[in-house]
Protein backbone atom coordinates (compact mmCIF):
# COMPACT_ATOMS: atom_id res chain seq x y z
CA MET A 1 -0.07 0.34 0.02
CA LEU A 2 1.11 3.56 -0.76
CA PRO A 3 2.00 5.89 1.59
CA ASP A 4 -0.63 9.03 2.15
CA PRO A 5 0.22 11.39 -1.18
CA LEU A 6 0.67 13.87 1.15
CA ARG A 7 4.40 12.17 2.29
CA LEU A 8 4.52 10.57 -1.04
CA ALA A 9 4.72 14.72 -2.74
CA ILE A 10 7.28 15.61 -0.37
CA ALA A 11 9.56 12.81 0.08
CA PHE A 12 9.25 13.21 -4.50
CA VAL A 13 8.75 16.00 -5.45
CA PRO A 14 12.74 17.35 -3.98
CA LEU A 15 13.95 14.44 -5.62
CA ALA A 16 12.26 14.04 -8.47
CA SER A 17 13.15 18.08 -9.17
CA TYR A 18 17.38 17.07 -8.43
CA CYS A 19 17.24 14.32 -10.97
CA PHE A 20 15.58 16.48 -14.15
CA LEU A 21 18.00 19.54 -12.95
CA ILE A 22 20.92 17.15 -13.14
CA GLY A 23 19.07 15.36 -16.30
CA LEU A 24 19.39 18.91 -17.80
CA LEU A 25 22.75 19.87 -17.36
CA ASN A 26 23.86 16.38 -18.61
CA ALA A 27 21.56 16.66 -22.09
CA ARG A 28 24.19 20.70 -22.68
CA ARG A 29 26.49 20.36 -24.37
CA ARG A 30 29.08 22.34 -22.24
CA PRO A 31 30.13 21.07 -19.12
CA PHE A 32 29.04 23.04 -15.76
CA LEU A 33 31.12 23.99 -13.02
CA THR A 34 30.10 24.00 -9.25
CA SER A 35 31.84 24.39 -5.40
CA GLY A 36 31.64 21.61 -3.70
CA GLY A 37 29.60 23.24 -1.33
CA ALA A 38 26.96 24.24 -4.13
CA ASP A 39 26.32 20.70 -4.89
CA LEU A 40 26.63 19.51 -1.65
CA ALA A 41 23.32 21.70 -0.88
CA ALA A 42 21.66 20.78 -3.95
CA LEU A 43 22.07 17.34 -2.54
CA GLY A 44 20.57 18.39 0.63
CA ALA A 45 17.72 19.92 -1.00
CA ALA A 46 16.88 16.99 -2.61
CA LEU A 47 16.61 14.84 0.27
CA SER A 48 14.70 17.21 1.86
CA GLY A 49 11.27 15.50 1.58
CA LEU A 50 13.25 12.48 2.48
CA VAL A 51 14.49 13.14 6.01
CA LEU A 52 11.22 14.87 6.19
CA VAL A 53 9.18 12.27 5.92
CA GLY A 54 11.69 9.99 7.50
CA PRO A 55 13.92 10.70 10.56
CA ILE A 56 12.51 14.55 11.23
CA GLU A 57 8.92 13.30 11.92
CA LEU A 58 10.39 10.11 13.65
CA PHE A 59 12.28 11.09 16.36
CA ARG A 60 10.68 14.89 16.22
CA PRO A 61 10.04 15.61 19.50
CA GLU A 62 6.50 15.01 21.24
CA ALA A 63 6.69 17.35 23.77
CA ALA A 64 7.67 20.00 21.41
CA SER A 65 5.09 19.68 19.54
CA ALA A 66 2.29 19.66 21.90
CA GLU A 67 4.60 22.98 23.19
CA TYR A 68 5.07 24.90 19.96
CA GLY A 69 1.99 22.89 17.21
CA THR A 70 2.65 23.18 13.81
CA TYR A 71 5.90 25.95 14.59
CA VAL A 72 8.09 22.78 15.32
CA TRP A 73 8.20 22.09 11.32
CA ALA A 74 9.40 24.75 11.27
CA PHE A 75 12.48 24.35 14.08
CA LEU A 76 13.42 20.95 12.34
CA LEU A 77 13.43 22.52 8.90
CA VAL A 78 16.01 24.97 10.34
CA PHE A 79 18.09 22.67 11.59
CA TYR A 80 18.47 20.41 8.89
CA TRP A 81 19.44 23.56 6.52
CA LEU A 82 21.76 24.68 9.53
CA SER A 83 23.86 21.01 9.80
CA ILE A 84 23.90 20.63 5.66
CA TRP A 85 25.15 24.91 6.36
CA LEU A 86 27.40 23.14 8.81
CA THR A 87 29.11 19.86 6.31
CA VAL A 88 29.35 22.57 3.70
CA LEU A 89 31.37 25.40 5.94
CA LEU A 90 33.25 21.88 7.49
CA ALA A 91 34.31 20.50 4.22
CA ARG A 92 37.46 20.46 1.95
CA PRO A 93 37.38 22.47 -0.86
CA ARG A 94 36.14 20.97 -3.76
CA LEU A 95 35.18 21.43 -7.30
CA VAL A 96 32.76 20.08 -9.27
CA VAL A 97 32.18 19.57 -13.30
CA TYR A 98 28.86 17.68 -14.80
CA ASN A 99 28.83 16.99 -18.18
CA ILE A 100 32.58 16.24 -18.79
CA SER A 101 34.67 13.09 -18.80
CA GLU A 102 38.28 13.20 -16.71
CA GLU A 103 40.38 13.14 -20.09
CA GLU A 104 38.17 15.80 -21.62
CA LEU A 105 38.40 17.30 -18.41
CA ARG A 106 42.86 16.99 -18.10
CA PRO A 107 44.22 18.94 -20.44
CA VAL A 108 41.55 21.79 -19.80
CA LEU A 109 42.53 21.59 -15.86
CA ALA A 110 46.55 20.94 -16.88
CA GLU A 111 46.00 24.39 -19.05
CA ALA A 112 44.54 27.02 -16.13
CA ALA A 113 46.64 25.31 -13.75
CA ARG A 114 49.60 26.31 -15.87
CA ALA A 115 47.61 29.51 -15.89
CA ILE A 116 48.45 30.57 -12.98
CA ASP A 117 51.46 28.37 -11.45
CA PRO A 118 53.52 27.57 -13.72
CA GLN A 119 55.33 25.14 -10.69
CA ALA A 120 52.00 23.18 -11.43
CA ARG A 121 52.89 19.31 -11.63
CA TRP A 122 50.09 15.88 -12.30
CA ALA A 123 51.11 13.12 -9.92
CA GLY A 124 48.89 10.64 -11.21
CA GLU A 125 45.27 11.77 -11.00
CA SER A 126 47.22 14.38 -8.45
CA LEU A 127 47.79 17.91 -9.48
CA SER A 128 49.84 20.17 -6.76
CA LEU A 129 50.11 24.13 -7.57
CA PRO A 130 52.56 24.37 -4.90
CA THR A 131 53.36 28.86 -5.39
CA LEU A 132 49.73 28.60 -4.36
CA GLY A 133 49.39 26.11 -2.03
CA VAL A 134 46.81 23.95 -3.65
CA GLN A 135 46.74 20.61 -3.87
CA LEU A 136 43.99 18.44 -5.19
CA HIS A 137 43.44 14.98 -6.85
CA LEU A 138 40.35 14.31 -9.08
CA GLU A 139 37.30 11.45 -8.65
CA SER A 140 35.26 9.93 -11.88
CA PHE A 141 31.51 9.38 -11.87
CA GLU A 142 32.08 7.25 -15.44
CA LEU A 143 28.26 6.41 -14.25
CA MET A 144 26.81 9.68 -14.47
CA ARG A 145 30.00 11.64 -16.38
CA HIS A 146 30.52 13.84 -14.14
CA VAL A 147 34.07 14.93 -12.56
CA SER A 148 35.20 16.27 -8.80
CA LEU A 149 38.24 18.33 -7.52
CA ILE A 150 38.99 17.92 -4.48
CA ALA A 151 41.54 18.52 -1.88
CA SER A 152 44.04 16.33 -0.30
CA GLY A 153 45.14 17.35 2.78
CA SER A 154 43.99 19.68 5.43
CA GLN A 155 45.73 22.65 3.92
CA GLN A 156 45.41 24.37 1.55
CA ASN A 157 44.85 27.81 0.39
CA LEU A 158 41.13 29.43 -0.41
CA VAL A 159 42.82 32.14 -2.30
CA GLY A 160 44.45 29.92 -4.73
CA TRP A 161 41.43 27.64 -4.87
CA ARG A 162 39.58 30.82 -6.53
CA GLN A 163 41.95 31.51 -8.88
CA LEU A 164 41.56 28.17 -10.00
CA THR A 165 37.76 28.34 -9.96
CA HIS A 166 37.98 30.95 -12.64
CA GLN A 167 40.57 30.19 -14.98
CA LEU A 168 39.22 26.72 -14.76
CA TYR A 169 35.45 28.31 -15.80
CA VAL A 170 36.76 30.61 -18.18
CA ARG A 171 38.38 27.66 -19.91
CA LEU A 172 35.73 25.22 -19.75
CA GLN A 173 33.19 28.16 -21.69
CA PRO A 174 34.31 27.47 -24.89
CA LEU A 175 34.37 23.54 -24.63
CA ARG A 176 32.23 21.78 -26.67
CA VAL A 177 31.32 18.01 -25.03
CA GLU A 178 29.13 15.17 -26.44
CA PRO A 179 25.60 14.99 -24.49
CA ASN A 180 25.22 12.65 -21.71
CA PRO A 181 22.93 10.43 -23.23
CA ARG A 182 21.54 9.12 -19.56
CA ALA A 183 20.27 12.79 -19.21
CA LEU A 184 17.09 11.38 -20.83
CA GLY A 185 16.61 8.26 -18.34
CA LEU A 186 17.27 11.41 -15.79
CA VAL A 187 14.72 13.43 -17.08
CA LEU A 188 12.56 10.95 -17.43
CA LEU A 189 12.27 9.35 -13.98
CA ALA A 190 12.12 13.08 -13.00
CA LEU A 191 8.57 13.44 -14.58
CA ILE A 192 7.60 9.52 -13.17
CA LEU A 193 7.77 11.31 -9.63
CA LEU A 194 6.32 13.54 -10.28
CA ALA A 195 3.46 12.51 -11.66
CA SER A 196 3.37 9.96 -9.80
CA SER A 197 2.97 12.11 -6.57
CA THR A 198 0.77 14.41 -8.21
CA ALA A 199 -1.90 11.71 -9.64
CA HIS A 200 -1.58 9.98 -6.32
CA MET A 201 -2.72 13.14 -4.77
CA LEU A 202 -5.64 13.92 -6.92
CA ALA A 203 -7.08 10.61 -7.20
CA HIS A 204 -6.78 10.43 -2.62
CA PRO A 205 -8.01 14.19 -1.52
CA GLN A 206 -9.27 13.09 1.01
CA ARG A 207 -6.61 10.87 2.25
CA LEU A 208 -4.55 14.05 1.29
CA ALA A 209 -6.64 16.06 3.74
CA GLN A 210 -6.39 14.11 6.07
CA ALA A 211 -2.27 13.50 6.10
CA MET A 212 -2.72 18.08 5.96
CA GLN A 213 -4.68 17.66 9.87
CA GLU A 214 -2.18 14.88 11.26
CA MET A 215 0.90 16.25 10.28
CA LEU A 216 -0.31 20.24 11.49
CA THR A 217 -1.68 19.15 14.58
CA TYR A 218 0.03 16.29 15.98
């Protein structure tokens, strides 16, 4: 038996939106560069619905619900996003390039590194920019064709990372790549999730109203 339509929509809509966005990025003919913090925040938004109807609702303090009523949901959501923000702040510097293979990215990254640090050197999957105080390694996710540039070690120069980000962004702009054939699958998955949650709400309006009352008055 499917869960009530309200919780199903809360769980599926953010996840479907994330899948749709990633699908569009992979359908383009240009790579997309973003920071690790933005990537983590987007993932946190995608999972927010599942967390809300899962752990947050399961472990919601009964005393707080009785004291604050519906406002307890706002407190719990703020706590969730503060946790995401703390994770972003504590994470090591990272860049993510969507819709590109490691073989396509390496020459562009090498050119960007040499432009800001003539002492830049490679060692396997690792890249060191000693003048700028930046050390990183590459991790590729071939299935979805994106590459992460992850800081190696805790001693990193954030100014150097910003310079590398700018140089890499400039050199990725004219680059054209083949669209990821898996992009269509992600878009279809997003549409299926959205359609199923919407259809479930329209088919069971009474259960929707009952679920809303339960969540707001518990």
